[in-house]
Amino acid sequence: MVHYTCDMCGKQLLPDEDIRYVVKIEVYTACDAMEMDDDMDEEIEEMEEEGEDDGDACDACDAADPAEMLENGEYKTFRFDLCTKCHEKYLQDPLFLKLWNRTRFSEN
C-alpha cells in the first residue's frame, strides 16, 4: 500500500479520508534568455527582410538536446504532495514571497 505525506507540514495523508493535492514544477532555460552573437542577429534580420521567417522564434531551443539540458541543470522537475490546509496556503503565496519579506531584517 502506498503512503503519502504532505511535503510541507509532514501530515500523514490517509487515502480514504484526506484529499491530496499534487504540485508539479518545471524549471528550464527560457529561449529568449539565450545569448546570441551579432552575426546571428544579422542573419535573423536578413531572413525577416526576405520573408523567410517561418514563425519559429527560437530554433536554437528546438535543437537543444534534452539529455544535455538535464546534465547542465537547465531542466529540472519537482513534484510535491500537499494536504488541504497546505494547498490553500500554497495557492495564496506559491513563491513564498510573503515569508521572505517577513524574515528580512532591517539594517541598523
C-alpha atoms as a PDB file:
ATOM      1  CA  MET A   1       0.000   0.000   0.000  1.00  0.00           C
ATOM      2  CA  VAL A   2       1.300   3.464  -0.911  1.00  0.00           C
ATOM      3  CA  HIS A   3       1.558   6.014   1.902  1.00  0.00           C
ATOM      4  CA  TYR A   4       1.505   9.750   1.226  1.00  0.00           C
ATOM      5  CA  THR A   5       2.762  12.544   3.448  1.00  0.00           C
ATOM      6  CA  CYS A   6       2.258  16.283   2.974  1.00  0.00           C
ATOM      7  CA  ASP A   7       5.597  17.672   1.802  1.00  0.00           C
ATOM      8  CA  MET A   8       5.011  20.995   3.587  1.00  0.00           C
ATOM      9  CA  CYS A   9       3.780  20.038   7.065  1.00  0.00           C
ATOM     10  CA  GLY A  10       4.590  16.327   7.232  1.00  0.00           C
ATOM     11  CA  LYS A  11       0.998  15.245   7.958  1.00  0.00           C
ATOM     12  CA  GLN A  12       0.227  11.622   7.038  1.00  0.00           C
ATOM     13  CA  LEU A  13      -2.392  11.611   4.251  1.00  0.00           C
ATOM     14  CA  LEU A  14      -4.889   8.781   4.534  1.00  0.00           C
ATOM     15  CA  PRO A  15      -6.232   7.569   1.168  1.00  0.00           C
ATOM     16  CA  ASP A  16      -9.840   7.160   2.380  1.00  0.00           C
ATOM     17  CA  GLU A  17     -10.044  10.339   4.484  1.00  0.00           C
ATOM     18  CA  ASP A  18      -7.780  13.068   3.138  1.00  0.00           C
ATOM     19  CA  ILE A  19      -7.761  14.909  -0.155  1.00  0.00           C
ATOM     20  CA  ARG A  20      -4.271  15.007  -1.634  1.00  0.00           C
ATOM     21  CA  TYR A  21      -3.106  17.771  -3.967  1.00  0.00           C
ATOM     22  CA  VAL A  22      -0.151  17.434  -6.321  1.00  0.00           C
ATOM     23  CA  VAL A  23       2.083  20.367  -7.233  1.00  0.00           C
ATOM     24  CA  LYS A  24       4.381  19.921 -10.241  1.00  0.00           C
ATOM     25  CA  ILE A  25       7.045  22.478 -11.056  1.00  0.00           C
ATOM     26  CA  GLU A  26       9.234  22.619 -14.161  1.00  0.00           C
ATOM     27  CA  VAL A  27      12.332  24.798 -14.283  1.00  0.00           C
ATOM     28  CA  TYR A  28      14.115  25.341 -17.588  1.00  0.00           C
ATOM     29  CA  THR A  29      16.049  27.940 -19.520  1.00  0.00           C
ATOM     30  CA  ALA A  30      13.830  30.424 -21.343  1.00  0.00           C
ATOM     31  CA  CYS A  31      14.649  30.641 -25.011  1.00  0.00           C
ATOM     32  CA  ASP A  32      14.745  34.443 -25.030  1.00  0.00           C
ATOM     33  CA  ALA A  33      17.396  34.342 -22.295  1.00  0.00           C
ATOM     34  CA  MET A  34      19.901  32.676 -24.607  1.00  0.00           C
ATOM     35  CA  GLU A  35      22.659  34.967 -25.760  1.00  0.00           C
ATOM     36  CA  MET A  36      23.015  35.469 -29.482  1.00  0.00           C
ATOM     37  CA  ASP A  37      26.044  36.982 -31.100  1.00  0.00           C
ATOM     38  CA  ASP A  38      25.894  39.881 -33.583  1.00  0.00           C
ATOM     39  CA  ASP A  39      26.259  37.553 -36.584  1.00  0.00           C
ATOM     40  CA  MET A  40      23.158  35.644 -35.534  1.00  0.00           C
ATOM     41  CA  ASP A  41      21.209  38.900 -35.119  1.00  0.00           C
ATOM     42  CA  GLU A  42      22.205  39.974 -38.629  1.00  0.00           C
ATOM     43  CA  GLU A  43      21.153  36.617 -40.088  1.00  0.00           C
ATOM     44  CA  ILE A  44      17.754  36.874 -38.390  1.00  0.00           C
ATOM     45  CA  GLU A  45      17.248  40.407 -39.706  1.00  0.00           C
ATOM     46  CA  GLU A  46      18.145  39.275 -43.237  1.00  0.00           C
ATOM     47  CA  MET A  47      15.705  36.361 -43.038  1.00  0.00           C
ATOM     48  CA  GLU A  48      12.927  38.663 -41.820  1.00  0.00           C
ATOM     49  CA  GLU A  49      13.602  41.099 -44.665  1.00  0.00           C
ATOM     50  CA  GLU A  50      13.484  38.272 -47.210  1.00  0.00           C
ATOM     51  CA  GLY A  51      10.299  36.857 -45.669  1.00  0.00           C
ATOM     52  CA  GLU A  52      11.892  33.526 -44.826  1.00  0.00           C
ATOM     53  CA  ASP A  53      10.807  33.570 -41.183  1.00  0.00           C
ATOM     54  CA  ASP A  54       8.646  30.512 -40.542  1.00  0.00           C
ATOM     55  CA  GLY A  55       7.296  31.919 -37.272  1.00  0.00           C
ATOM     56  CA  ASP A  56       9.616  29.809 -35.133  1.00  0.00           C
ATOM     57  CA  ALA A  57      11.312  32.374 -32.927  1.00  0.00           C
ATOM     58  CA  CYS A  58      13.868  30.048 -31.440  1.00  0.00           C
ATOM     59  CA  ASP A  59      15.399  27.272 -33.469  1.00  0.00           C
ATOM     60  CA  ALA A  60      18.303  27.152 -31.003  1.00  0.00           C
ATOM     61  CA  CYS A  61      15.967  25.944 -28.253  1.00  0.00           C
ATOM     62  CA  ASP A  62      14.465  23.285 -30.510  1.00  0.00           C
ATOM     63  CA  ALA A  63      17.935  21.999 -31.327  1.00  0.00           C
ATOM     64  CA  ALA A  64      18.906  21.619 -27.657  1.00  0.00           C
ATOM     65  CA  ASP A  65      19.475  18.022 -26.576  1.00  0.00           C
ATOM     66  CA  PRO A  66      17.166  17.174 -23.622  1.00  0.00           C
ATOM     67  CA  ALA A  67      19.778  14.867 -22.068  1.00  0.00           C
ATOM     68  CA  GLU A  68      22.351  17.632 -22.260  1.00  0.00           C
ATOM     69  CA  MET A  69      19.915  20.078 -20.660  1.00  0.00           C
ATOM     70  CA  LEU A  70      19.424  17.659 -17.753  1.00  0.00           C
ATOM     71  CA  GLU A  71      23.178  17.259 -17.277  1.00  0.00           C
ATOM     72  CA  ASN A  72      23.749  21.012 -17.274  1.00  0.00           C
ATOM     73  CA  GLY A  73      20.975  21.623 -14.750  1.00  0.00           C
ATOM     74  CA  GLU A  74      18.975  23.635 -17.294  1.00  0.00           C
ATOM     75  CA  TYR A  75      15.868  21.460 -16.866  1.00  0.00           C
ATOM     76  CA  LYS A  76      14.538  20.185 -13.560  1.00  0.00           C
ATOM     77  CA  THR A  77      11.147  18.972 -12.378  1.00  0.00           C
ATOM     78  CA  PHE A  78       9.729  18.844  -8.868  1.00  0.00           C
ATOM     79  CA  ARG A  79       6.639  17.036  -7.553  1.00  0.00           C
ATOM     80  CA  PHE A  80       5.060  17.659  -4.146  1.00  0.00           C
ATOM     81  CA  ASP A  81       2.051  16.197  -2.324  1.00  0.00           C
ATOM     82  CA  LEU A  82       0.056  18.651  -0.193  1.00  0.00           C
ATOM     83  CA  CYS A  83      -2.752  18.326   2.322  1.00  0.00           C
ATOM     84  CA  THR A  84      -5.815  20.589   2.030  1.00  0.00           C
ATOM     85  CA  LYS A  85      -4.533  23.170   4.515  1.00  0.00           C
ATOM     86  CA  CYS A  86      -1.090  23.463   2.900  1.00  0.00           C
ATOM     87  CA  HIS A  87      -2.680  23.528  -0.556  1.00  0.00           C
ATOM     88  CA  GLU A  88      -4.661  26.622   0.443  1.00  0.00           C
ATOM     89  CA  LYS A  89      -1.513  28.283   1.844  1.00  0.00           C
ATOM     90  CA  TYR A  90       0.423  27.420  -1.308  1.00  0.00           C
ATOM     91  CA  LEU A  91      -2.208  28.959  -3.589  1.00  0.00           C
ATOM     92  CA  GLN A  92      -2.114  32.196  -1.577  1.00  0.00           C
ATOM     93  CA  ASP A  93       1.678  32.576  -1.938  1.00  0.00           C
ATOM     94  CA  PRO A  94       3.191  29.986  -4.347  1.00  0.00           C
ATOM     95  CA  LEU A  95       6.678  31.539  -4.314  1.00  0.00           C
ATOM     96  CA  PHE A  96       6.626  32.208  -0.553  1.00  0.00           C
ATOM     97  CA  LEU A  97       7.339  35.903  -1.153  1.00  0.00           C
ATOM     98  CA  LYS A  98       5.399  36.961   1.950  1.00  0.00           C
ATOM     99  CA  LEU A  99       7.533  34.640   4.069  1.00  0.00           C
ATOM    100  CA  TRP A 100      10.749  36.079   2.593  1.00  0.00           C
ATOM    101  CA  ASN A 101       9.618  39.660   3.270  1.00  0.00           C
ATOM    102  CA  ARG A 102       8.721  38.792   6.833  1.00  0.00           C
ATOM    103  CA  THR A 103      12.095  37.168   7.605  1.00  0.00           C
ATOM    104  CA  ARG A 104      14.276  40.009   6.313  1.00  0.00           C
ATOM    105  CA  PHE A 105      15.975  42.059   8.959  1.00  0.00           C
ATOM    106  CA  SER A 106      16.258  45.813   8.941  1.00  0.00           C
ATOM    107  CA  GLU A 107      19.684  47.325   8.513  1.00  0.00           C
ATOM    108  CA  ASN A 108      20.560  49.213  11.682  1.00  0.00           C
END
